[in-house]
Amino acid sequence: MTKAGNSTVLVVDDDKNVCDLISSTLVGQGYKTAVAGNGKEALDYLRGSALPPGLILLDLMMPVMTGWEFRKVQQEDPGLAAIPVAIITGMPGMDGKASAIGAVDVLYKPSRVEELTSLVSRFCRH
């Protein structure tokens, strides 16, 4: 897959500690990050952004709008559907479910820095 022309990763998770850890790790590797606490905030960010992120890291279990609900809306929106999504989850055995919603990969929490940066480097430049 060709890397997107954007170095920004959108991290969507209701756990602020997870968002902070992922963001600080990626910024330290030369990427930019944006954070949303749920699917609705992520959609608001995406619809208000001039340049889409190179990758969305999406938790599934969140209040207001779950990752499942976000993904359905994203896939139905022609302006957002092409943005790759990787699932970040603490629930084991999600590979099949992630694949079923078109996710490019699954990152299990807690993840190693190498796993995170390897995943992001497939879709974003820095």
C-alpha atoms as a PDB file:
ATOM      1  CA  MET A   1       0.000   0.000   0.000  1.00  0.00           C
ATOM      2  CA  THR A   2       1.200   3.496  -0.814  1.00  0.00           C
ATOM      3  CA  LYS A   3       1.799   5.793   2.103  1.00  0.00           C
ATOM      4  CA  ALA A   4      -0.540   8.742   2.379  1.00  0.00           C
ATOM      5  CA  GLY A   5       0.903  12.191   1.908  1.00  0.00           C
ATOM      6  CA  ASN A   6       0.004  13.053   5.473  1.00  0.00           C
ATOM      7  CA  SER A   7       1.966  12.387   8.636  1.00  0.00           C
ATOM      8  CA  THR A   8      -1.028  12.869  10.936  1.00  0.00           C
ATOM      9  CA  VAL A   9      -2.564   9.974  12.851  1.00  0.00           C
ATOM     10  CA  LEU A  10      -6.034  10.422  14.357  1.00  0.00           C
ATOM     11  CA  VAL A  11      -6.231   8.535  17.671  1.00  0.00           C
ATOM     12  CA  VAL A  12      -9.826   7.787  18.711  1.00  0.00           C
ATOM     13  CA  ASP A  13     -10.160   6.396  22.231  1.00  0.00           C
ATOM     14  CA  ASP A  14     -12.129   7.412  25.315  1.00  0.00           C
ATOM     15  CA  ASP A  15      -9.168   6.586  27.572  1.00  0.00           C
ATOM     16  CA  LYS A  16      -7.113   9.772  27.822  1.00  0.00           C
ATOM     17  CA  ASN A  17      -4.084   7.838  29.089  1.00  0.00           C
ATOM     18  CA  VAL A  18      -4.100   5.643  25.975  1.00  0.00           C
ATOM     19  CA  CYS A  19      -4.412   8.703  23.734  1.00  0.00           C
ATOM     20  CA  ASP A  20      -1.586  10.482  25.538  1.00  0.00           C
ATOM     21  CA  LEU A  21       0.715   7.455  25.387  1.00  0.00           C
ATOM     22  CA  ILE A  22       0.096   6.793  21.695  1.00  0.00           C
ATOM     23  CA  SER A  23       0.390  10.492  20.828  1.00  0.00           C
ATOM     24  CA  SER A  24       3.638  11.025  22.708  1.00  0.00           C
ATOM     25  CA  THR A  25       5.130   7.879  21.172  1.00  0.00           C
ATOM     26  CA  LEU A  26       4.207   8.916  17.635  1.00  0.00           C
ATOM     27  CA  VAL A  27       5.274  12.544  18.067  1.00  0.00           C
ATOM     28  CA  GLY A  28       8.615  11.235  19.308  1.00  0.00           C
ATOM     29  CA  GLN A  29       8.901   9.310  16.037  1.00  0.00           C
ATOM     30  CA  GLY A  30       8.202  12.404  13.917  1.00  0.00           C
ATOM     31  CA  TYR A  31       4.470  11.989  13.302  1.00  0.00           C
ATOM     32  CA  LYS A  32       1.692  14.447  14.081  1.00  0.00           C
ATOM     33  CA  THR A  33      -1.366  13.349  16.033  1.00  0.00           C
ATOM     34  CA  ALA A  34      -4.904  14.474  16.625  1.00  0.00           C
ATOM     35  CA  VAL A  35      -7.082  12.992  19.354  1.00  0.00           C
ATOM     36  CA  ALA A  36     -10.816  12.330  19.637  1.00  0.00           C
ATOM     37  CA  GLY A  37     -12.574  10.844  22.667  1.00  0.00           C
ATOM     38  CA  ASN A  38     -15.322   9.075  20.720  1.00  0.00           C
ATOM     39  CA  GLY A  39     -16.632   8.469  17.215  1.00  0.00           C
ATOM     40  CA  LYS A  40     -18.642  11.686  17.078  1.00  0.00           C
ATOM     41  CA  GLU A  41     -15.607  13.797  17.959  1.00  0.00           C
ATOM     42  CA  ALA A  42     -13.638  11.918  15.302  1.00  0.00           C
ATOM     43  CA  LEU A  43     -16.253  12.654  12.640  1.00  0.00           C
ATOM     44  CA  ASP A  44     -16.323  16.319  13.659  1.00  0.00           C
ATOM     45  CA  TYR A  45     -12.534  16.476  13.354  1.00  0.00           C
ATOM     46  CA  LEU A  46     -12.493  14.733   9.970  1.00  0.00           C
ATOM     47  CA  ARG A  47     -15.250  16.873   8.499  1.00  0.00           C
ATOM     48  CA  GLY A  48     -13.532  20.049   9.684  1.00  0.00           C
ATOM     49  CA  SER A  49     -10.036  19.112   8.549  1.00  0.00           C
ATOM     50  CA  ALA A  50      -8.645  20.294   5.223  1.00  0.00           C
ATOM     51  CA  LEU A  51      -6.234  17.354   5.003  1.00  0.00           C
ATOM     52  CA  PRO A  52      -7.356  13.895   6.132  1.00  0.00           C
ATOM     53  CA  PRO A  53      -5.084  11.895   8.419  1.00  0.00           C
ATOM     54  CA  GLY A  54      -2.932   9.169   6.946  1.00  0.00           C
ATOM     55  CA  LEU A  55      -4.360   6.666   9.436  1.00  0.00           C
ATOM     56  CA  ILE A  56      -7.078   6.429  12.077  1.00  0.00           C
ATOM     57  CA  LEU A  57      -6.366   4.370  15.206  1.00  0.00           C
ATOM     58  CA  LEU A  58      -9.848   3.469  16.453  1.00  0.00           C
ATOM     59  CA  ASP A  59     -11.021   1.979  19.730  1.00  0.00           C
ATOM     60  CA  LEU A  60     -14.321   0.120  19.443  1.00  0.00           C
ATOM     61  CA  MET A  61     -15.862   0.486  22.904  1.00  0.00           C
ATOM     62  CA  MET A  62     -16.528   4.182  23.583  1.00  0.00           C
ATOM     63  CA  PRO A  63     -19.427   6.284  24.859  1.00  0.00           C
ATOM     64  CA  VAL A  64     -21.494   8.648  22.667  1.00  0.00           C
ATOM     65  CA  MET A  65     -20.528   6.909  19.394  1.00  0.00           C
ATOM     66  CA  THR A  66     -18.734   3.558  19.390  1.00  0.00           C
ATOM     67  CA  GLY A  67     -15.994   2.601  16.980  1.00  0.00           C
ATOM     68  CA  TRP A  68     -18.452   0.277  15.230  1.00  0.00           C
ATOM     69  CA  GLU A  69     -20.896   3.157  14.683  1.00  0.00           C
ATOM     70  CA  PHE A  70     -18.114   5.496  13.578  1.00  0.00           C
ATOM     71  CA  ARG A  71     -16.831   2.973  11.055  1.00  0.00           C
ATOM     72  CA  LYS A  72     -20.289   2.522   9.517  1.00  0.00           C
ATOM     73  CA  VAL A  73     -20.708   6.287   9.036  1.00  0.00           C
ATOM     74  CA  GLN A  74     -17.144   6.636   7.758  1.00  0.00           C
ATOM     75  CA  GLN A  75     -17.599   3.902   5.153  1.00  0.00           C
ATOM     76  CA  GLU A  76     -20.806   5.515   3.896  1.00  0.00           C
ATOM     77  CA  ASP A  77     -19.181   8.952   3.469  1.00  0.00           C
ATOM     78  CA  PRO A  78     -17.310   9.176   0.136  1.00  0.00           C
ATOM     79  CA  GLY A  79     -15.012  11.872   1.515  1.00  0.00           C
ATOM     80  CA  LEU A  80     -13.938   9.739   4.478  1.00  0.00           C
ATOM     81  CA  ALA A  81     -14.209   6.139   3.292  1.00  0.00           C
ATOM     82  CA  ALA A  82     -10.697   5.941   1.834  1.00  0.00           C
ATOM     83  CA  ILE A  83      -8.931   6.815   5.112  1.00  0.00           C
ATOM     84  CA  PRO A  84      -7.416   3.597   6.487  1.00  0.00           C
ATOM     85  CA  VAL A  85      -8.500   2.496   9.957  1.00  0.00           C
ATOM     86  CA  ALA A  86      -6.659   0.240  12.379  1.00  0.00           C
ATOM     87  CA  ILE A  87      -8.452  -1.021  15.466  1.00  0.00           C
ATOM     88  CA  ILE A  88      -6.878  -0.478  18.896  1.00  0.00           C
ATOM     89  CA  THR A  89      -8.464  -2.726  21.494  1.00  0.00           C
ATOM     90  CA  GLY A  90      -7.915  -4.499  24.764  1.00  0.00           C
ATOM     91  CA  MET A  91     -10.349  -7.264  23.789  1.00  0.00           C
ATOM     92  CA  PRO A  92      -8.628 -10.449  22.582  1.00  0.00           C
ATOM     93  CA  GLY A  93      -9.548 -12.195  19.350  1.00  0.00           C
ATOM     94  CA  MET A  94     -10.747  -9.172  17.394  1.00  0.00           C
ATOM     95  CA  ASP A  95      -8.899  -9.879  14.136  1.00  0.00           C
ATOM     96  CA  GLY A  96     -11.918 -11.356  12.355  1.00  0.00           C
ATOM     97  CA  LYS A  97     -14.307  -8.648  13.522  1.00  0.00           C
ATOM     98  CA  ALA A  98     -11.836  -5.929  12.563  1.00  0.00           C
ATOM     99  CA  SER A  99     -11.409  -7.457   9.126  1.00  0.00           C
ATOM    100  CA  ALA A 100     -15.193  -7.638   8.719  1.00  0.00           C
ATOM    101  CA  ILE A 101     -15.462  -3.855   9.107  1.00  0.00           C
ATOM    102  CA  GLY A 102     -12.595  -3.224   6.712  1.00  0.00           C
ATOM    103  CA  ALA A 103      -9.887  -2.385   9.228  1.00  0.00           C
ATOM    104  CA  VAL A 104      -6.337  -2.637   7.903  1.00  0.00           C
ATOM    105  CA  ASP A 105      -4.954  -4.106  11.128  1.00  0.00           C
ATOM    106  CA  VAL A 106      -5.534  -4.654  14.851  1.00  0.00           C
ATOM    107  CA  LEU A 107      -3.270  -3.307  17.572  1.00  0.00           C
ATOM    108  CA  TYR A 108      -3.861  -4.942  20.941  1.00  0.00           C
ATOM    109  CA  LYS A 109      -3.504  -2.877  24.112  1.00  0.00           C
ATOM    110  CA  PRO A 110      -1.038  -2.694  25.649  1.00  0.00           C
ATOM    111  CA  SER A 111       1.139  -2.704  22.551  1.00  0.00           C
ATOM    112  CA  ARG A 112       4.859  -2.394  22.099  1.00  0.00           C
ATOM    113  CA  VAL A 113       6.307   0.782  20.610  1.00  0.00           C
ATOM    114  CA  GLU A 114       7.696  -1.235  17.692  1.00  0.00           C
ATOM    115  CA  GLU A 115       4.246  -2.615  16.841  1.00  0.00           C
ATOM    116  CA  LEU A 116       2.697   0.849  16.893  1.00  0.00           C
ATOM    117  CA  THR A 117       5.374   2.541  14.812  1.00  0.00           C
ATOM    118  CA  SER A 118       5.538  -0.332  12.333  1.00  0.00           C
ATOM    119  CA  LEU A 119       1.792  -0.090  11.765  1.00  0.00           C
ATOM    120  CA  VAL A 120       1.784   3.693  11.399  1.00  0.00           C
ATOM    121  CA  SER A 121       4.797   3.702   9.076  1.00  0.00           C
ATOM    122  CA  ARG A 122       2.842   1.583   6.579  1.00  0.00           C
ATOM    123  CA  PHE A 123       0.334   4.392   6.053  1.00  0.00           C
ATOM    124  CA  CYS A 124       1.966   7.678   7.030  1.00  0.00           C
ATOM    125  CA  ARG A 125       5.144   9.458   6.085  1.00  0.00           C
ATOM    126  CA  HIS A 126       7.196  11.472   8.545  1.00  0.00           C
END
